[in-house]
């Protein structure tokens, strides 16, 4: 009997398939409707003090106040 030729294994270079089990996992989620009813806001609305404003803007405000 003749021996069968052994074919070299083909290396799969699909990086998406290689790493899909690391990233495609279930996530817990936050119920935004419940949080909205409780008063939660992701970005609180409020002002910044003048310390956070750029220098030229604070100088401009100082001229207006005088």
PDB file of N, CA and C in Angstrom:
ATOM      1  N   UNK A   1       0.832  -1.182   0.000  1.00  0.00           N
ATOM      2  CA  UNK A   1       0.000   0.000   0.000  1.00  0.00           C
ATOM      3  C   UNK A   1       0.878   1.246   0.000  1.00  0.00           C
ATOM      4  N   UNK A   2       0.430   2.216  -0.721  1.00  0.00           N
ATOM      5  CA  UNK A   2       1.159   3.476  -0.797  1.00  0.00           C
ATOM      6  C   UNK A   2       0.796   4.327   0.416  1.00  0.00           C
ATOM      7  N   UNK A   3       1.794   5.020   0.913  1.00  0.00           N
ATOM      8  CA  UNK A   3       1.542   5.896   2.058  1.00  0.00           C
ATOM      9  C   UNK A   3       0.868   7.177   1.569  1.00  0.00           C
ATOM     10  N   UNK A   4      -0.045   7.661   2.382  1.00  0.00           N
ATOM     11  CA  UNK A   4      -0.709   8.914   2.042  1.00  0.00           C
ATOM     12  C   UNK A   4       0.230  10.069   2.361  1.00  0.00           C
ATOM     13  N   UNK A   5       0.205  11.073   1.513  1.00  0.00           N
ATOM     14  CA  UNK A   5       1.003  12.263   1.777  1.00  0.00           C
ATOM     15  C   UNK A   5       0.376  13.029   2.927  1.00  0.00           C
ATOM     16  N   UNK A   6       1.195  13.447   3.851  1.00  0.00           N
ATOM     17  CA  UNK A   6       0.713  14.231   4.981  1.00  0.00           C
ATOM     18  C   UNK A   6       0.753  15.694   4.573  1.00  0.00           C
ATOM     19  N   UNK A   7      -0.418  16.296   4.566  1.00  0.00           N
ATOM     20  CA  UNK A   7      -0.490  17.710   4.229  1.00  0.00           C
ATOM     21  C   UNK A   7      -0.205  18.537   5.470  1.00  0.00           C
ATOM     22  N   UNK A   8       0.566  19.583   5.326  1.00  0.00           N
ATOM     23  CA  UNK A   8       0.814  20.438   6.501  1.00  0.00           C
ATOM     24  C   UNK A   8      -0.476  21.146   6.903  1.00  0.00           C
ATOM     25  N   UNK A   9      -0.657  21.300   8.214  1.00  0.00           N
ATOM     26  CA  UNK A   9      -1.870  21.963   8.694  1.00  0.00           C
ATOM     27  C   UNK A   9      -1.829  23.433   8.310  1.00  0.00           C
ATOM     28  N   UNK A  10      -2.953  23.912   7.884  1.00  0.00           N
ATOM     29  CA  UNK A  10      -3.057  25.308   7.491  1.00  0.00           C
ATOM     30  C   UNK A  10      -3.274  26.138   8.750  1.00  0.00           C
ATOM     31  N   UNK A  11      -2.454  27.148   8.910  1.00  0.00           N
ATOM     32  CA  UNK A  11      -2.584  28.022  10.071  1.00  0.00           C
ATOM     33  C   UNK A  11      -3.647  29.071   9.769  1.00  0.00           C
ATOM     34  N   UNK A  12      -4.668  29.144  10.609  1.00  0.00           N
ATOM     35  CA  UNK A  12      -5.749  30.098  10.410  1.00  0.00           C
ATOM     36  C   UNK A  12      -5.314  31.426  11.009  1.00  0.00           C
ATOM     37  N   UNK A  13      -5.395  32.460  10.214  1.00  0.00           N
ATOM     38  CA  UNK A  13      -4.967  33.785  10.683  1.00  0.00           C
ATOM     39  C   UNK A  13      -6.149  34.724  10.817  1.00  0.00           C
ATOM     40  N   UNK A  14      -7.206  34.230  11.378  1.00  0.00           N
ATOM     41  CA  UNK A  14      -8.393  35.041  11.598  1.00  0.00           C
ATOM     42  C   UNK A  14      -8.335  35.548  13.037  1.00  0.00           C
ATOM     43  N   UNK A  15      -7.870  36.768  13.199  1.00  0.00           N
ATOM     44  CA  UNK A  15      -7.676  37.315  14.539  1.00  0.00           C
ATOM     45  C   UNK A  15      -9.001  37.612  15.229  1.00  0.00           C
ATOM     46  N   UNK A  16     -10.040  37.855  14.451  1.00  0.00           N
ATOM     47  CA  UNK A  16     -11.355  38.091  15.052  1.00  0.00           C
ATOM     48  C   UNK A  16     -11.845  36.817  15.730  1.00  0.00           C
ATOM     49  N   UNK A  17     -11.752  35.702  15.023  1.00  0.00           N
ATOM     50  CA  UNK A  17     -12.189  34.438  15.594  1.00  0.00           C
ATOM     51  C   UNK A  17     -11.288  34.009  16.747  1.00  0.00           C
ATOM     52  N   UNK A  18     -10.025  34.360  16.655  1.00  0.00           N
ATOM     53  CA  UNK A  18      -9.078  33.962  17.692  1.00  0.00           C
ATOM     54  C   UNK A  18      -9.403  34.633  19.027  1.00  0.00           C
ATOM     55  N   UNK A  19      -9.811  35.895  18.989  1.00  0.00           N
ATOM     56  CA  UNK A  19     -10.017  36.660  20.222  1.00  0.00           C
ATOM     57  C   UNK A  19     -11.483  36.890  20.557  1.00  0.00           C
ATOM     58  N   UNK A  20     -12.415  36.284  19.823  1.00  0.00           N
ATOM     59  CA  UNK A  20     -13.823  36.601  20.065  1.00  0.00           C
ATOM     60  C   UNK A  20     -14.302  36.156  21.441  1.00  0.00           C
ATOM     61  N   UNK A  21     -13.751  35.098  21.978  1.00  0.00           N
ATOM     62  CA  UNK A  21     -14.209  34.636  23.291  1.00  0.00           C
ATOM     63  C   UNK A  21     -13.742  35.542  24.416  1.00  0.00           C
ATOM     64  N   UNK A  22     -12.718  36.345  24.163  1.00  0.00           N
ATOM     65  CA  UNK A  22     -12.247  37.275  25.188  1.00  0.00           C
ATOM     66  C   UNK A  22     -13.156  38.496  25.302  1.00  0.00           C
ATOM     67  N   UNK A  23     -13.725  38.928  24.193  1.00  0.00           N
ATOM     68  CA  UNK A  23     -14.451  40.188  24.182  1.00  0.00           C
ATOM     69  C   UNK A  23     -15.962  40.028  24.118  1.00  0.00           C
ATOM     70  N   UNK A  24     -16.467  38.993  23.502  1.00  0.00           N
ATOM     71  CA  UNK A  24     -17.911  38.830  23.350  1.00  0.00           C
ATOM     72  C   UNK A  24     -18.479  38.136  24.577  1.00  0.00           C
ATOM     73  N   UNK A  25     -18.674  38.916  25.619  1.00  0.00           N
ATOM     74  CA  UNK A  25     -19.228  38.384  26.858  1.00  0.00           C
ATOM     75  C   UNK A  25     -20.468  39.192  27.221  1.00  0.00           C
ATOM     76  N   UNK A  26     -21.335  38.575  27.970  1.00  0.00           N
ATOM     77  CA  UNK A  26     -22.550  39.275  28.372  1.00  0.00           C
ATOM     78  C   UNK A  26     -22.204  40.368  29.381  1.00  0.00           C
ATOM     79  N   UNK A  27     -22.964  41.425  29.321  1.00  0.00           N
ATOM     80  CA  UNK A  27     -22.730  42.586  30.178  1.00  0.00           C
ATOM     81  C   UNK A  27     -23.969  42.841  31.030  1.00  0.00           C
ATOM     82  N   UNK A  28     -23.762  43.343  32.233  1.00  0.00           N
ATOM     83  CA  UNK A  28     -24.893  43.803  33.027  1.00  0.00           C
ATOM     84  C   UNK A  28     -25.214  45.218  32.578  1.00  0.00           C
ATOM     85  N   UNK A  29     -26.465  45.595  32.624  1.00  0.00           N
ATOM     86  CA  UNK A  29     -26.844  46.920  32.165  1.00  0.00           C
ATOM     87  C   UNK A  29     -27.565  47.648  33.282  1.00  0.00           C
ATOM     88  N   UNK A  30     -27.590  48.963  33.169  1.00  0.00           N
ATOM     89  CA  UNK A  30     -28.255  49.816  34.140  1.00  0.00           C
ATOM     90  C   UNK A  30     -29.574  50.260  33.539  1.00  0.00           C
ATOM     91  N   UNK A  31     -30.639  50.123  34.300  1.00  0.00           N
ATOM     92  CA  UNK A  31     -31.949  50.538  33.818  1.00  0.00           C
ATOM     93  C   UNK A  31     -32.037  52.056  33.911  1.00  0.00           C
ATOM     94  N   UNK A  32     -31.958  52.712  32.759  1.00  0.00           N
ATOM     95  CA  UNK A  32     -31.921  54.173  32.739  1.00  0.00           C
ATOM     96  C   UNK A  32     -33.254  54.785  33.131  1.00  0.00           C
ATOM     97  N   UNK A  33     -34.352  54.096  32.817  1.00  0.00           N
ATOM     98  CA  UNK A  33     -35.670  54.637  33.156  1.00  0.00           C
ATOM     99  C   UNK A  33     -35.864  54.673  34.672  1.00  0.00           C
ATOM    100  N   UNK A  34     -35.443  53.612  35.350  1.00  0.00           N
ATOM    101  CA  UNK A  34     -35.547  53.589  36.813  1.00  0.00           C
ATOM    102  C   UNK A  34     -34.677  54.670  37.431  1.00  0.00           C
ATOM    103  N   UNK A  35     -33.455  54.811  36.906  1.00  0.00           N
ATOM    104  CA  UNK A  35     -32.559  55.830  37.447  1.00  0.00           C
ATOM    105  C   UNK A  35     -33.098  57.232  37.195  1.00  0.00           C
ATOM    106  N   UNK A  36     -33.728  57.449  36.049  1.00  0.00           N
ATOM    107  CA  UNK A  36     -34.296  58.765  35.762  1.00  0.00           C
ATOM    108  C   UNK A  36     -35.417  59.080  36.741  1.00  0.00           C
ATOM    109  N   UNK A  37     -36.206  58.059  37.100  1.00  0.00           N
ATOM    110  CA  UNK A  37     -37.279  58.283  38.070  1.00  0.00           C
ATOM    111  C   UNK A  37     -36.714  58.595  39.450  1.00  0.00           C
ATOM    112  N   UNK A  38     -35.568  58.025  39.757  1.00  0.00           N
ATOM    113  CA  UNK A  38     -34.935  58.283  41.053  1.00  0.00           C
ATOM    114  C   UNK A  38     -34.187  59.607  41.092  1.00  0.00           C
ATOM    115  N   UNK A  39     -34.033  60.249  39.927  1.00  0.00           N
ATOM    116  CA  UNK A  39     -33.374  61.552  39.897  1.00  0.00           C
ATOM    117  C   UNK A  39     -31.916  61.490  39.522  1.00  0.00           C
ATOM    118  N   UNK A  40     -31.455  60.351  39.055  1.00  0.00           N
ATOM    119  CA  UNK A  40     -30.049  60.224  38.681  1.00  0.00           C
ATOM    120  C   UNK A  40     -29.813  60.927  37.349  1.00  0.00           C
ATOM    121  N   UNK A  41     -28.736  61.679  37.265  1.00  0.00           N
ATOM    122  CA  UNK A  41     -28.351  62.320  36.009  1.00  0.00           C
ATOM    123  C   UNK A  41     -26.892  61.997  35.765  1.00  0.00           C
ATOM    124  N   UNK A  42     -26.567  61.561  34.562  1.00  0.00           N
ATOM    125  CA  UNK A  42     -25.195  61.175  34.262  1.00  0.00           C
ATOM    126  C   UNK A  42     -24.277  62.389  34.308  1.00  0.00           C
ATOM    127  N   UNK A  43     -24.720  63.464  33.724  1.00  0.00           N
ATOM    128  CA  UNK A  43     -23.939  64.702  33.741  1.00  0.00           C
ATOM    129  C   UNK A  43     -24.738  65.709  34.535  1.00  0.00           C
ATOM    130  N   UNK A  44     -24.259  66.025  35.705  1.00  0.00           N
ATOM    131  CA  UNK A  44     -24.970  66.963  36.559  1.00  0.00           C
ATOM    132  C   UNK A  44     -24.959  68.337  35.915  1.00  0.00           C
ATOM    133  N   UNK A  45     -26.112  68.964  35.920  1.00  0.00           N
ATOM    134  CA  UNK A  45     -26.189  70.301  35.363  1.00  0.00           C
ATOM    135  C   UNK A  45     -25.827  71.275  36.455  1.00  0.00           C
ATOM    136  N   UNK A  46     -24.906  72.114  36.166  1.00  0.00           N
ATOM    137  CA  UNK A  46     -24.473  73.099  37.131  1.00  0.00           C
ATOM    138  C   UNK A  46     -23.346  73.893  36.523  1.00  0.00           C
ATOM    139  N   UNK A  47     -23.036  74.962  37.147  1.00  0.00           N
ATOM    140  CA  UNK A  47     -22.015  75.830  36.582  1.00  0.00           C
ATOM    141  C   UNK A  47     -20.648  75.532  37.139  1.00  0.00           C
ATOM    142  N   UNK A  48     -19.698  76.024  36.445  1.00  0.00           N
ATOM    143  CA  UNK A  48     -18.330  75.999  36.923  1.00  0.00           C
ATOM    144  C   UNK A  48     -18.055  77.326  37.588  1.00  0.00           C
ATOM    145  N   UNK A  49     -17.177  77.327  38.548  1.00  0.00           N
ATOM    146  CA  UNK A  49     -16.776  78.600  39.125  1.00  0.00           C
ATOM    147  C   UNK A  49     -15.850  79.298  38.138  1.00  0.00           C
ATOM    148  N   UNK A  50     -15.539  80.532  38.396  1.00  0.00           N
ATOM    149  CA  UNK A  50     -14.692  81.296  37.474  1.00  0.00           C
ATOM    150  C   UNK A  50     -13.263  80.757  37.428  1.00  0.00           C
ATOM    151  N   UNK A  51     -12.889  79.917  38.369  1.00  0.00           N
ATOM    152  CA  UNK A  51     -11.537  79.359  38.367  1.00  0.00           C
ATOM    153  C   UNK A  51     -11.306  78.439  37.173  1.00  0.00           C
ATOM    154  N   UNK A  52     -12.366  77.828  36.674  1.00  0.00           N
ATOM    155  CA  UNK A  52     -12.209  76.868  35.585  1.00  0.00           C
ATOM    156  C   UNK A  52     -12.257  77.528  34.211  1.00  0.00           C
ATOM    157  N   UNK A  53     -12.685  78.769  34.162  1.00  0.00           N
ATOM    158  CA  UNK A  53     -12.804  79.434  32.870  1.00  0.00           C
ATOM    159  C   UNK A  53     -11.426  79.848  32.371  1.00  0.00           C
ATOM    160  N   UNK A  54     -11.257  79.975  31.072  1.00  0.00           N
ATOM    161  CA  UNK A  54      -9.966  80.433  30.549  1.00  0.00           C
ATOM    162  C   UNK A  54      -9.644  81.832  31.041  1.00  0.00           C
ATOM    163  N   UNK A  55      -8.377  82.164  30.996  1.00  0.00           N
ATOM    164  CA  UNK A  55      -7.914  83.434  31.561  1.00  0.00           C
ATOM    165  C   UNK A  55      -8.578  84.627  30.894  1.00  0.00           C
ATOM    166  N   UNK A  56      -8.600  84.654  29.586  1.00  0.00           N
ATOM    167  CA  UNK A  56      -9.130  85.817  28.877  1.00  0.00           C
ATOM    168  C   UNK A  56     -10.608  86.011  29.157  1.00  0.00           C
ATOM    169  N   UNK A  57     -11.332  84.934  29.403  1.00  0.00           N
ATOM    170  CA  UNK A  57     -12.755  85.061  29.688  1.00  0.00           C
ATOM    171  C   UNK A  57     -12.972  85.664  31.075  1.00  0.00           C
ATOM    172  N   UNK A  58     -12.150  85.279  32.031  1.00  0.00           N
ATOM    173  CA  UNK A  58     -12.284  85.836  33.374  1.00  0.00           C
ATOM    174  C   UNK A  58     -11.894  87.308  33.375  1.00  0.00           C
ATOM    175  N   UNK A  59     -10.920  87.692  32.549  1.00  0.00           N
ATOM    176  CA  UNK A  59     -10.550  89.102  32.432  1.00  0.00           C
ATOM    177  C   UNK A  59     -11.712  89.879  31.822  1.00  0.00           C
ATOM    178  N   UNK A  60     -12.350  89.304  30.814  1.00  0.00           N
ATOM    179  CA  UNK A  60     -13.484  89.940  30.176  1.00  0.00           C
ATOM    180  C   UNK A  60     -14.619  90.118  31.184  1.00  0.00           C
ATOM    181  N   UNK A  61     -14.871  89.135  32.024  1.00  0.00           N
ATOM    182  CA  UNK A  61     -15.914  89.250  33.026  1.00  0.00           C
ATOM    183  C   UNK A  61     -15.587  90.317  34.058  1.00  0.00           C
ATOM    184  N   UNK A  62     -14.313  90.450  34.386  1.00  0.00           N
ATOM    185  CA  UNK A  62     -13.933  91.458  35.373  1.00  0.00           C
ATOM    186  C   UNK A  62     -14.205  92.868  34.842  1.00  0.00           C
ATOM    187  N   UNK A  63     -14.072  93.073  33.520  1.00  0.00           N
ATOM    188  CA  UNK A  63     -14.396  94.366  32.941  1.00  0.00           C
ATOM    189  C   UNK A  63     -15.896  94.622  32.956  1.00  0.00           C
ATOM    190  N   UNK A  64     -16.678  93.584  32.801  1.00  0.00           N
ATOM    191  CA  UNK A  64     -18.111  93.764  32.824  1.00  0.00           C
ATOM    192  C   UNK A  64     -18.641  94.092  34.216  1.00  0.00           C
ATOM    193  N   UNK A  65     -17.991  93.521  35.208  1.00  0.00           N
ATOM    194  CA  UNK A  65     -18.450  93.696  36.592  1.00  0.00           C
ATOM    195  C   UNK A  65     -18.178  95.114  37.073  1.00  0.00           C
ATOM    196  N   UNK A  66     -17.098  95.706  36.606  1.00  0.00           N
ATOM    197  CA  UNK A  66     -16.744  97.071  37.073  1.00  0.00           C
ATOM    198  C   UNK A  66     -17.714  98.065  36.654  1.00  0.00           C
TER     199      UNK A  66
END
